[in-house]
Protein backbone atom coordinates (compact mmCIF):
# COMPACT_ATOMS: atom_id res chain seq x y z
CA MET A 1 92.68 99.93 128.88
CA ASN A 2 95.09 103.29 129.69
CA THR A 3 97.90 101.55 127.66
CA VAL A 4 95.53 101.10 124.24
CA VAL A 5 94.03 104.08 124.13
CA TRP A 6 97.42 106.16 124.91
CA LEU A 7 99.02 103.79 121.84
CA ALA A 8 95.58 104.60 119.84
CA ALA A 9 96.38 108.53 120.29
CA ILE A 10 100.09 108.06 119.48
CA LEU A 11 99.24 106.67 116.03
CA PHE A 12 96.98 108.93 114.64
CA VAL A 13 99.31 111.64 115.95
CA ALA A 14 101.59 109.58 113.75
CA VAL A 15 99.38 109.14 110.69
CA GLY A 16 98.28 112.70 110.89
CA ALA A 17 102.04 113.78 111.01
CA ILE A 18 102.62 111.69 108.41
CA PHE A 19 99.57 112.71 105.89
CA ILE A 20 100.64 116.32 106.76
CA LEU A 21 104.45 115.86 105.83
CA ARG A 22 104.03 113.88 103.10
CA ARG A 23 101.35 115.54 101.47
CA HIS A 24 102.51 116.14 97.86
CA ASP A 25 102.99 112.02 97.35
CA LEU A 26 99.86 111.13 98.93
CA ALA A 27 97.38 113.93 96.98
CA ARG A 28 99.33 112.56 93.69
CA ALA A 29 98.43 108.63 94.60
CA GLN A 30 94.76 109.67 96.03
CA SER A 31 94.61 111.92 92.39
CA LEU A 32 95.40 108.33 90.55
CA VAL A 33 92.88 106.42 92.57
CA ALA A 34 90.01 108.72 91.99
CA GLY A 35 90.85 109.41 88.75
CA GLY A 36 91.37 112.92 88.62
CA ARG A 37 93.18 116.13 90.26
CA LEU A 38 93.44 116.82 94.20
CA GLY A 39 95.47 119.44 95.87
CA ALA A 40 97.65 119.19 98.65
CA GLY A 41 94.87 120.92 101.18
CA CYS A 42 92.60 117.34 100.97
CA ALA A 43 96.04 115.50 102.62
CA ILE A 44 96.32 118.55 104.88
CA ALA A 45 92.53 118.21 105.93
CA GLU A 46 93.10 114.43 106.40
CA GLY A 47 96.28 114.95 108.34
CA ILE A 48 94.55 117.92 110.95
CA LEU A 49 91.13 115.73 111.32
CA PHE A 50 93.65 112.32 112.69
CA LEU A 51 95.55 115.25 115.05
CA LEU A 52 91.41 115.41 116.06
CA MET A 53 90.89 111.94 116.40
CA ALA A 54 94.18 111.82 119.10
CA ILE A 55 92.69 115.02 121.11
CA ALA A 56 89.33 113.43 121.39
CA ALA A 57 90.68 110.03 122.44
CA VAL A 58 92.42 111.24 124.93
CA VAL A 59 89.49 114.24 126.09
CA LEU A 60 87.41 111.24 126.21
CA HIS A 61 89.31 108.87 128.25
CA ARG A 62 90.13 111.48 130.61
CA TYR A 63 86.11 111.85 131.43
CA GLY A 64 85.88 107.85 131.58
CA TRP A 65 84.29 107.03 128.15
CA PHE A 66 86.21 104.07 127.64
CA ASP A 67 86.02 102.41 130.77
């Protein structure tokens, strides 16, 4: 179980970093799907959310929530 939590945290960090680094392309793709114009700030907020999810997974694992 320990390995799964750490792999999930690494995956969340990787996805969050990709969202932040490729924010302009992601905002353009989301605007095509949503039918409007979305700013790159939305992609940054989504990337930060993934980084917070990684921190939450590690902290909750340390407190025994996933045992």
